[in-house]
Amino acid sequence: MGLKDDLDRYREVGEQRRQDLAEFIQYGDLGQSRPDEVKIPIKIVDLPEFAYDQRDMGGVGQGEDAEEGQPVGQPEPQPGDGDEDGEPGEEGGDHEYYEMDPEEFAQELDEELGLDLEPKGKQVIEEKEGDFTDITRTGPTSTLDFESLFKKGLKRKLAMDFDRDYLREVLKVDGMGPASVFEWARGENIPVSKAWLEDEYAELTNEEKTEWASMDEMDENVDRQSTAERIRREGVDQIPYRREDERYRYPEIIEEKEKNVVVVNIRDVSGSMREKKRELVERTFTPLDWYLTGKYDNAEFVYIAHDAEAWEVDRDEFFGIRSGGGTRISSAYELAAAVLEEEYPWHEWNRYVFAAGDSENSSNDTEERVIPQMEEIPANLHAYVETQPSGNAINATHAEEVERHFEGSDNVAVAYVSSPEDVVDAIYEILSTEEVKA
C-alpha cells in the first residue's frame, strides 16, 4: 500500500465522520452528549497501517496448504460461520463513539455546511500596549518624534524663507526704496519683512541704489532661485523648530475583547406540540447550542417555555416539558426582553434569540405583538423554526407572517422542519443568515 492509498483512506475516514455527523444530527441519540462534550457514533473504519508478523512463516513462496478458492491469509471456513441458514442476528453493526468538544463540533459543522462564522468580541477584559503608532502633544523626551518635528520645521522653513540675494538686487533698482519693494514682495508672495528691507537698504551705497535702471534690466542680469532649489544645492543651516511642533509617540492601546454570547431558546409547549414536534425542536436547537458554545469564549443559555404564558426553565425541562394550554408567543418575547435587558446588556453580549413551535398562535398576536418585539430586541440573529411534521395546519401562520415581514433582513431567519431530514438544512438557513451579517 502506497502513500497515496494511505491519504485516500484518511480522506475517506474524514468524509465518513462528516457523514456520521450529519446523520447524528438528523437521527442520533442527542441525549448521549453533554453541553461540553459531543459524542458522535461512528462506523468502525480500520486505518491503514503496516504490521510485522514475528512468527516464522517459512519464507517467500512457502505457507500452509490451502484449498482452491480459499482467500489468502484467512482460515478455512468452520461450521457456523458465514451466511448459512439460521436465526437472524440481533446485534447491530459495529459502532464506536467519537468524542469532540463543542469547538471541534463547530469546526466540523462549518466544514460540512460550508460556513465560516467569525464571532465578534464585545466585553473588554484586558488592555495592552501595542506599537508606538499614536501621537500626543506631551510625553517623555525619549518618545519625542524627531521625524515629525523635522518635517514641521522644514515646512516652516520653506514657507518663511526667501532669496535674500535677489531681494538685495531689487533694492538696487533706481527709484525702488524699501516701501516700494515691500509692496512688490507682497504681490509676489515673498515673506519678507519691511524692517529687513530697511536694514538692507541702509547698507547700500548711493551708487548701488541706482545700479539698475529698471526691474526688467535687473531680471535680465540676476537669476532668481526658489527656496527649495537653494536648499537642495546648499543644504540647510538651521531649521526653525517651535515648541508647538513637538509630538510624542505613545503605544496604541489594544483592547482584548472576550467573545461572550447569550442564547435565548424559546419553545412552544402548548397542547398542540406533540412528541414528534418536540423532537424536531430538540434536533434543531441542540446542535445550535453546541455550535455557538464552540464558537464563543463564554456562552450562556436561557430557556423559556410558553403556552399562553411564559416562564423560564432549565435545559432538561425545556426539551421534555409538556403543557395543555393555548398559545401566545408574545409572552415568551416579553420575558426574553426582560431577561436580556437585566442580565445581558447589548453592549457587552452577543445575542441570539431562537424560537420554535408549530406556527400556531393566538389571533393577531404575531402581527401586533411578536413582530414589534423582535424589532425592539437588539440581537445578532433572531430565528423561528416551524416544526410541523404533517404539513401546515390551517391556522399555523406564524412562521409565514414573520418571514414575509422580515424578507431581506440580515438578522432574521425562518426555517421549516417537517422531518429529521430537514434539520441540517434548517441549521444552515439559520447560521448562513448570521454569516452574511458577520
Protein backbone atom coordinates (compact mmCIF):
# COMPACT_ATOMS: atom_id res chain seq x y z
CA MET A 1 0.00 0.00 0.00
CA GLY A 2 1.49 3.33 -1.08
CA LEU A 3 1.37 6.79 0.45
CA LYS A 4 -1.37 7.90 -1.97
CA ASP A 5 -3.54 4.96 -0.85
CA ASP A 6 -3.00 5.98 2.78
CA LEU A 7 -4.02 9.59 2.08
CA ASP A 8 -7.10 8.45 0.17
CA ARG A 9 -8.06 6.23 3.09
CA TYR A 10 -7.64 9.05 5.61
CA ARG A 11 -9.78 11.31 3.42
CA GLU A 12 -12.37 8.54 3.35
CA VAL A 13 -12.31 8.42 7.14
CA GLY A 14 -12.76 12.21 7.36
CA GLU A 15 -15.62 12.17 4.88
CA GLN A 16 -17.23 9.29 6.76
CA ARG A 17 -17.01 11.25 10.01
CA ARG A 18 -18.74 14.25 8.44
CA GLN A 19 -21.46 11.96 7.12
CA ASP A 20 -21.80 10.46 10.59
CA LEU A 21 -22.10 14.00 12.00
CA ALA A 22 -24.96 14.89 9.65
CA GLU A 23 -26.73 11.58 10.31
CA PHE A 24 -26.27 12.04 14.04
CA ILE A 25 -27.91 15.49 13.94
CA GLN A 26 -30.84 14.06 12.00
CA TYR A 27 -31.35 10.69 13.65
CA GLY A 28 -28.88 10.18 16.51
CA ASP A 29 -29.50 9.94 20.23
CA LEU A 30 -28.71 13.52 21.27
CA GLY A 31 -29.04 12.53 24.92
CA GLN A 32 -25.72 10.66 24.73
CA SER A 33 -23.95 14.04 24.69
CA ARG A 34 -23.50 16.76 27.27
CA PRO A 35 -23.30 20.52 26.74
CA ASP A 36 -19.49 20.38 26.97
CA GLU A 37 -18.94 17.04 25.20
CA VAL A 38 -20.49 15.81 21.96
CA LYS A 39 -20.48 12.04 21.37
CA ILE A 40 -20.88 11.13 17.70
CA PRO A 41 -21.47 7.43 16.92
CA ILE A 42 -19.19 6.44 14.04
CA LYS A 43 -18.85 3.29 11.99
CA ILE A 44 -15.61 1.47 12.73
CA VAL A 45 -13.15 2.05 9.89
CA ASP A 46 -9.70 0.48 10.14
CA LEU A 47 -6.97 2.97 9.37
CA PRO A 48 -4.16 1.68 7.09
CA GLU A 49 -1.06 0.51 8.86
CA PHE A 50 1.92 -1.79 8.35
CA ALA A 51 2.31 -4.76 10.68
CA TYR A 52 5.30 -7.08 11.04
CA ASP A 53 4.44 -10.70 11.79
CA GLN A 54 7.17 -12.08 14.02
CA ARG A 55 6.07 -15.67 13.57
CA ASP A 56 8.24 -17.88 11.39
CA MET A 57 6.15 -18.07 8.22
CA GLY A 58 8.75 -20.07 6.33
CA GLY A 59 10.00 -17.58 3.77
CA VAL A 60 8.95 -16.43 0.32
CA GLY A 61 6.67 -18.80 -1.54
CA GLN A 62 6.09 -21.07 1.46
CA GLY A 63 2.98 -21.43 3.52
CA GLU A 64 0.34 -23.79 4.70
CA ASP A 65 -1.66 -25.87 2.27
CA ALA A 66 -4.86 -24.20 1.14
CA GLU A 67 -7.96 -25.29 -0.69
CA GLU A 68 -8.62 -23.89 -4.16
CA GLY A 69 -10.68 -20.67 -3.93
CA GLN A 70 -9.84 -20.05 -0.25
CA PRO A 71 -8.92 -16.33 0.35
CA VAL A 72 -5.25 -15.83 1.12
CA GLY A 73 -4.49 -15.23 4.78
CA GLN A 74 -7.92 -16.39 6.01
CA PRO A 75 -8.63 -19.60 7.88
CA GLU A 76 -10.73 -22.32 6.34
CA PRO A 77 -14.43 -21.74 6.98
CA GLN A 78 -15.76 -23.56 10.01
CA PRO A 79 -19.30 -24.78 10.67
CA GLY A 80 -21.45 -21.95 11.92
CA ASP A 81 -19.53 -19.24 10.08
CA GLY A 82 -20.74 -17.31 7.06
CA ASP A 83 -24.27 -16.80 5.74
CA GLU A 84 -25.76 -20.20 6.46
CA ASP A 85 -29.39 -20.59 7.39
CA GLY A 86 -30.34 -19.74 10.92
CA GLU A 87 -31.99 -17.16 13.12
CA PRO A 88 -31.35 -13.54 12.11
CA GLY A 89 -28.80 -11.73 14.26
CA GLU A 90 -29.95 -9.24 16.86
CA GLU A 91 -26.76 -7.21 17.13
CA GLY A 92 -26.29 -4.02 15.09
CA GLY A 93 -23.27 -3.02 13.08
CA ASP A 94 -20.02 -2.12 14.77
CA HIS A 95 -20.01 1.46 16.06
CA GLU A 96 -17.85 3.48 18.36
CA TYR A 97 -18.30 6.96 19.76
CA TYR A 98 -16.10 9.80 18.65
CA GLU A 99 -15.95 12.40 21.41
CA MET A 100 -15.43 16.02 20.48
CA ASP A 101 -15.70 19.28 22.38
CA PRO A 102 -18.08 21.97 21.11
CA GLU A 103 -15.23 23.86 19.43
CA GLU A 104 -14.35 20.85 17.30
CA PHE A 105 -18.05 20.25 16.64
CA ALA A 106 -18.35 23.83 15.35
CA GLN A 107 -15.34 23.33 13.07
CA GLU A 108 -16.77 20.09 11.69
CA LEU A 109 -20.18 21.69 11.14
CA ASP A 110 -18.56 24.67 9.41
CA GLU A 111 -16.81 22.27 7.06
CA GLU A 112 -19.94 20.20 6.50
CA LEU A 113 -22.14 23.24 5.72
CA GLY A 114 -19.51 25.45 4.12
CA LEU A 115 -19.80 28.16 6.79
CA ASP A 116 -17.18 30.39 8.35
CA LEU A 117 -18.82 32.45 11.09
CA GLU A 118 -16.33 34.70 12.90
CA PRO A 119 -17.74 35.86 16.25
CA LYS A 120 -17.23 39.43 17.44
CA GLY A 121 -15.84 40.25 20.87
CA LYS A 122 -17.78 42.79 22.92
CA GLN A 123 -16.74 42.92 26.58
CA VAL A 124 -13.23 44.31 27.17
CA ILE A 125 -11.30 42.05 29.54
CA GLU A 126 -7.75 43.39 29.05
CA GLU A 127 -5.95 46.38 27.61
CA LYS A 128 -2.37 46.03 26.45
CA GLU A 129 0.18 48.25 24.74
CA GLY A 130 0.86 47.76 21.08
CA ASP A 131 3.25 49.53 18.71
CA PHE A 132 4.15 53.22 19.19
CA THR A 133 1.80 54.39 16.48
CA ASP A 134 -0.30 57.05 18.23
CA ILE A 135 0.81 60.68 18.74
CA THR A 136 0.26 63.14 21.60
CA ARG A 137 1.49 66.70 22.33
CA THR A 138 3.20 65.82 25.62
CA GLY A 139 5.37 63.00 26.83
CA PRO A 140 8.85 61.99 27.97
CA THR A 141 11.80 63.16 25.88
CA SER A 142 12.66 59.58 24.96
CA THR A 143 9.43 59.31 22.94
CA LEU A 144 9.85 62.61 21.02
CA ASP A 145 9.05 62.05 17.35
CA PHE A 146 12.10 63.69 15.71
CA GLU A 147 10.95 62.88 12.20
CA SER A 148 7.67 64.70 12.71
CA LEU A 149 9.47 67.63 14.36
CA PHE A 150 11.93 67.95 11.46
CA LYS A 151 9.16 67.82 8.84
CA LYS A 152 7.19 70.59 10.54
CA GLY A 153 10.31 72.74 10.88
CA LEU A 154 11.28 72.17 7.26
CA LYS A 155 7.79 73.05 6.10
CA ARG A 156 8.03 76.32 8.05
CA LYS A 157 11.47 76.95 6.56
CA LEU A 158 10.06 76.59 3.06
CA ALA A 159 7.13 78.86 3.89
CA MET A 160 9.17 81.64 5.58
CA ASP A 161 12.42 81.67 3.61
CA PHE A 162 13.16 83.79 0.53
CA ASP A 163 16.03 84.58 -1.82
CA ARG A 164 17.85 87.33 0.09
CA ASP A 165 20.37 87.95 -2.70
CA TYR A 166 17.60 88.54 -5.17
CA LEU A 167 15.77 90.98 -2.83
CA ARG A 168 19.00 92.95 -2.37
CA GLU A 169 19.22 93.34 -6.14
CA VAL A 170 15.61 94.59 -6.27
CA LEU A 171 16.55 97.28 -3.74
CA LYS A 172 19.23 98.47 -6.23
CA VAL A 173 16.65 99.32 -8.90
CA ASP A 174 16.55 103.08 -9.44
CA GLY A 175 13.55 104.57 -7.64
CA MET A 176 12.72 101.41 -5.62
CA GLY A 177 13.04 102.10 -1.91
CA PRO A 178 12.12 99.75 0.97
CA ALA A 179 8.41 100.71 0.89
CA SER A 180 8.08 100.07 -2.86
CA VAL A 181 9.96 96.78 -2.65
CA PHE A 182 7.81 95.65 0.29
CA GLU A 183 4.59 96.23 -1.70
CA TRP A 184 6.08 94.44 -4.71
CA ALA A 185 7.16 91.50 -2.49
CA ARG A 186 3.65 91.13 -1.06
CA GLY A 187 2.29 90.81 -4.60
CA GLU A 188 4.91 88.10 -5.28
CA ASN A 189 4.06 86.23 -2.03
CA ILE A 190 7.61 86.70 -0.77
CA PRO A 191 7.57 86.55 3.07
CA VAL A 192 9.97 89.43 3.74
CA SER A 193 9.55 91.99 6.50
CA LYS A 194 9.70 95.74 5.93
CA ALA A 195 12.29 96.04 8.72
CA TRP A 196 14.66 93.66 6.92
CA LEU A 197 14.33 95.66 3.72
CA GLU A 198 15.05 98.91 5.55
CA ASP A 199 18.16 97.44 7.19
CA GLU A 200 19.46 96.08 3.89
CA TYR A 201 18.73 99.34 2.04
CA ALA A 202 20.67 101.31 4.67
CA GLU A 203 23.74 99.19 3.91
CA LEU A 204 23.76 100.15 0.19
CA THR A 205 25.91 102.97 -1.18
CA ASN A 206 24.36 105.73 -3.26
CA GLU A 207 25.86 104.21 -6.41
CA GLU A 208 24.34 100.78 -5.58
CA LYS A 209 20.88 102.29 -5.06
CA THR A 210 20.78 103.20 -8.76
CA GLU A 211 22.66 100.21 -10.18
CA TRP A 212 19.69 99.04 -12.27
CA ALA A 213 17.68 101.39 -14.41
CA SER A 214 14.57 99.17 -14.27
CA MET A 215 13.16 95.86 -12.98
CA ASP A 216 13.43 94.41 -16.47
CA GLU A 217 17.12 95.13 -16.65
CA MET A 218 17.64 93.63 -13.22
CA ASP A 219 15.73 90.44 -14.17
CA GLU A 220 17.84 90.03 -17.32
CA ASN A 221 21.02 90.01 -15.26
CA VAL A 222 20.04 88.34 -11.98
CA ASP A 223 18.86 84.74 -11.56
CA ARG A 224 16.06 84.17 -9.09
CA GLN A 225 16.06 80.86 -7.18
CA SER A 226 13.34 79.22 -5.13
CA THR A 227 13.98 78.19 -1.54
CA ALA A 228 13.65 74.52 -2.47
CA GLU A 229 16.30 74.82 -5.18
CA ARG A 230 18.64 76.66 -2.82
CA ILE A 231 18.19 74.05 -0.06
CA ARG A 232 18.91 71.22 -2.48
CA ARG A 233 22.10 72.97 -3.56
CA GLU A 234 23.38 74.35 -0.27
CA GLY A 235 21.65 72.24 2.36
CA VAL A 236 20.00 73.58 5.49
CA ASP A 237 21.96 75.55 8.07
CA GLN A 238 19.13 75.93 10.53
CA ILE A 239 15.59 74.58 10.90
CA PRO A 240 13.17 76.88 12.73
CA TYR A 241 11.76 74.49 15.37
CA ARG A 242 8.99 75.62 17.68
CA ARG A 243 7.62 74.22 20.88
CA GLU A 244 4.20 73.64 19.36
CA ASP A 245 5.80 71.40 16.71
CA GLU A 246 6.78 68.78 19.26
CA ARG A 247 4.93 65.46 19.08
CA TYR A 248 5.48 62.43 21.29
CA ARG A 249 4.84 58.83 20.35
CA TYR A 250 2.92 56.56 22.67
CA PRO A 251 1.81 52.96 22.27
CA GLU A 252 -1.51 52.08 20.73
CA ILE A 253 -3.85 50.64 23.35
CA ILE A 254 -5.18 47.32 22.15
CA GLU A 255 -8.38 46.08 23.75
CA GLU A 256 -8.64 42.35 24.25
CA LYS A 257 -12.32 41.55 24.00
CA GLU A 258 -13.99 38.41 25.28
CA LYS A 259 -16.40 36.81 22.86
CA ASN A 260 -19.48 36.47 25.02
CA VAL A 261 -22.79 35.12 23.77
CA VAL A 262 -26.19 34.55 25.31
CA VAL A 263 -28.61 32.27 23.50
CA VAL A 264 -32.29 32.57 24.35
CA ASN A 265 -34.13 29.40 23.33
CA ILE A 266 -37.91 29.77 23.22
CA ARG A 267 -40.19 26.74 22.86
CA ASP A 268 -43.92 26.37 22.45
CA VAL A 269 -45.23 23.83 24.98
CA SER A 270 -48.93 24.28 24.27
CA GLY A 271 -51.31 21.36 23.80
CA SER A 272 -50.69 21.16 20.04
CA MET A 273 -46.98 20.44 20.49
CA ARG A 274 -46.99 16.65 20.34
CA GLU A 275 -43.99 14.33 20.71
CA LYS A 276 -42.78 14.49 17.09
CA LYS A 277 -42.84 18.29 17.12
CA ARG A 278 -40.91 18.37 20.40
CA GLU A 279 -38.31 16.01 19.00
CA LEU A 280 -37.75 18.25 15.95
CA VAL A 281 -37.24 21.22 18.27
CA GLU A 282 -34.57 19.32 20.17
CA ARG A 283 -32.86 18.15 16.99
CA THR A 284 -32.61 21.71 15.72
CA PHE A 285 -31.77 23.60 18.91
CA THR A 286 -29.25 21.20 20.46
CA PRO A 287 -26.69 21.36 17.61
CA LEU A 288 -27.13 25.15 17.50
CA ASP A 289 -26.29 25.28 21.23
CA TRP A 290 -23.19 23.14 20.72
CA TYR A 291 -22.12 25.21 17.70
CA LEU A 292 -22.34 28.57 19.47
CA THR A 293 -20.67 27.13 22.58
CA GLY A 294 -17.75 26.13 20.37
CA LYS A 295 -17.59 29.47 18.60
CA TYR A 296 -17.57 31.79 21.63
CA ASP A 297 -15.26 32.13 24.63
CA ASN A 298 -18.17 32.29 27.02
CA ALA A 299 -21.66 31.03 26.16
CA GLU A 300 -24.72 31.22 28.39
CA PHE A 301 -28.19 29.90 27.67
CA VAL A 302 -31.64 30.99 28.69
CA TYR A 303 -34.52 28.56 28.18
CA ILE A 304 -38.07 29.86 28.01
CA ALA A 305 -41.19 27.73 27.67
CA HIS A 306 -44.58 29.15 26.87
CA ASP A 307 -48.17 28.37 26.15
CA ALA A 308 -50.42 31.37 26.73
CA GLU A 309 -47.94 32.48 29.43
CA ALA A 310 -44.15 32.18 29.55
CA TRP A 311 -41.74 31.02 32.23
CA GLU A 312 -38.02 30.28 32.49
CA VAL A 313 -36.92 26.63 32.80
CA ASP A 314 -33.66 24.70 32.91
CA ARG A 315 -32.29 22.81 29.92
CA ASP A 316 -33.66 19.37 30.81
CA GLU A 317 -37.16 20.74 31.36
CA PHE A 318 -37.01 22.71 28.14
CA PHE A 319 -36.89 19.67 25.88
CA GLY A 320 -39.16 17.40 27.91
CA ILE A 321 -41.89 19.63 29.30
CA ARG A 322 -45.49 19.26 28.09
CA SER A 323 -48.44 21.50 28.63
CA GLY A 324 -52.02 21.75 27.57
CA GLY A 325 -52.78 25.43 27.33
CA GLY A 326 -53.31 27.76 24.42
CA THR A 327 -50.60 29.71 22.59
CA ARG A 328 -49.46 33.31 22.89
CA ILE A 329 -45.91 33.58 21.53
CA SER A 330 -45.55 37.22 22.51
CA SER A 331 -45.47 36.22 26.18
CA ALA A 332 -42.11 34.50 25.57
CA TYR A 333 -40.62 37.56 23.87
CA GLU A 334 -41.79 39.77 26.73
CA LEU A 335 -39.90 37.55 29.17
CA ALA A 336 -36.86 37.32 26.86
CA ALA A 337 -36.65 41.10 26.58
CA ALA A 338 -36.79 41.49 30.36
CA VAL A 339 -34.06 38.87 30.96
CA LEU A 340 -31.76 40.31 28.31
CA GLU A 341 -32.19 43.88 29.49
CA GLU A 342 -31.47 42.99 33.11
CA GLU A 343 -28.68 40.42 32.76
CA TYR A 344 -27.16 40.61 29.27
CA PRO A 345 -26.72 44.21 28.03
CA TRP A 346 -26.31 44.52 24.28
CA HIS A 347 -23.01 46.44 24.51
CA GLU A 348 -21.40 43.52 26.37
CA TRP A 349 -23.08 40.43 24.91
CA ASN A 350 -23.68 38.94 21.53
CA ARG A 351 -27.30 37.81 21.48
CA TYR A 352 -29.19 35.06 19.67
CA VAL A 353 -32.94 34.62 20.12
CA PHE A 354 -34.20 31.30 18.76
CA ALA A 355 -37.85 30.31 18.94
CA ALA A 356 -39.58 27.15 17.77
CA GLY A 357 -43.10 25.80 17.58
CA ASP A 358 -45.75 24.61 15.18
CA SER A 359 -46.57 28.17 14.00
CA GLU A 360 -49.93 28.20 15.74
CA ASN A 361 -50.56 31.43 17.64
CA SER A 362 -53.43 33.35 19.11
CA SER A 363 -55.28 35.73 16.80
CA ASN A 364 -53.28 38.80 15.69
CA ASP A 365 -50.55 38.11 18.28
CA THR A 366 -47.83 37.70 15.62
CA GLU A 367 -48.55 40.91 13.75
CA GLU A 368 -49.49 43.15 16.67
CA ARG A 369 -47.01 41.98 19.32
CA VAL A 370 -44.35 39.45 18.26
CA ILE A 371 -43.01 41.24 15.18
CA PRO A 372 -42.67 44.61 17.00
CA GLN A 373 -40.97 42.81 19.91
CA MET A 374 -38.45 41.17 17.56
CA GLU A 375 -37.68 44.58 16.07
CA GLU A 376 -37.15 46.09 19.51
CA ILE A 377 -34.82 43.39 20.90
CA PRO A 378 -31.24 44.03 19.63
CA ALA A 379 -29.69 40.72 18.59
CA ASN A 380 -27.12 39.26 16.23
CA LEU A 381 -29.82 36.96 14.99
CA HIS A 382 -33.49 36.17 15.53
CA ALA A 383 -34.72 32.83 14.24
CA TYR A 384 -38.01 30.99 14.20
CA VAL A 385 -38.19 27.27 13.44
CA GLU A 386 -41.54 25.82 12.45
CA THR A 387 -41.89 22.15 13.42
CA GLN A 388 -44.94 20.81 11.62
CA PRO A 389 -44.49 17.09 10.72
CA SER A 390 -47.83 16.80 8.93
CA GLY A 391 -47.51 19.98 6.91
CA ASN A 392 -49.04 23.33 7.65
CA ALA A 393 -52.22 23.41 9.64
CA ILE A 394 -54.84 25.92 8.59
CA ASN A 395 -54.11 28.26 11.50
CA ALA A 396 -50.31 27.68 11.52
CA THR A 397 -49.30 31.01 10.01
CA HIS A 398 -46.78 32.48 12.47
CA ALA A 399 -43.65 31.47 10.51
CA GLU A 400 -45.07 32.76 7.22
CA GLU A 401 -46.03 36.11 8.77
CA VAL A 402 -42.58 36.57 10.30
CA GLU A 403 -40.85 35.56 7.08
CA ARG A 404 -42.99 37.88 4.98
CA HIS A 405 -42.44 40.86 7.29
CA PHE A 406 -38.65 40.42 7.60
CA GLU A 407 -37.98 39.40 3.99
CA GLY A 408 -34.49 40.54 3.03
CA SER A 409 -33.42 41.17 6.62
CA ASP A 410 -29.88 40.14 7.56
CA ASN A 411 -30.65 39.27 11.18
CA VAL A 412 -33.91 37.31 10.99
CA ALA A 413 -34.12 33.72 9.73
CA VAL A 414 -37.12 31.44 9.35
CA ALA A 415 -36.73 27.68 8.83
CA TYR A 416 -39.23 24.90 8.27
CA VAL A 417 -38.67 21.42 9.71
CA SER A 418 -41.22 18.71 8.93
CA SER A 419 -38.91 15.70 9.39
CA PRO A 420 -35.39 14.89 10.63
CA GLU A 421 -34.16 15.17 7.04
CA ASP A 422 -34.89 18.93 7.17
CA VAL A 423 -32.80 19.62 10.29
CA VAL A 424 -29.40 20.13 8.66
CA ASP A 425 -30.91 22.46 6.04
CA ALA A 426 -32.67 24.43 8.78
CA ILE A 427 -29.42 24.83 10.71
CA TYR A 428 -27.71 26.02 7.53
CA GLU A 429 -30.50 28.52 6.86
CA ILE A 430 -30.11 29.97 10.36
CA LEU A 431 -26.33 30.08 10.55
CA SER A 432 -25.79 31.30 6.98
CA THR A 433 -28.03 34.29 7.75
CA GLU A 434 -25.74 35.21 10.66
CA GLU A 435 -22.65 34.57 8.50
CA VAL A 436 -23.81 37.15 5.95
CA LYS A 437 -24.18 39.71 8.74
CA ALA A 438 -20.81 38.87 10.28
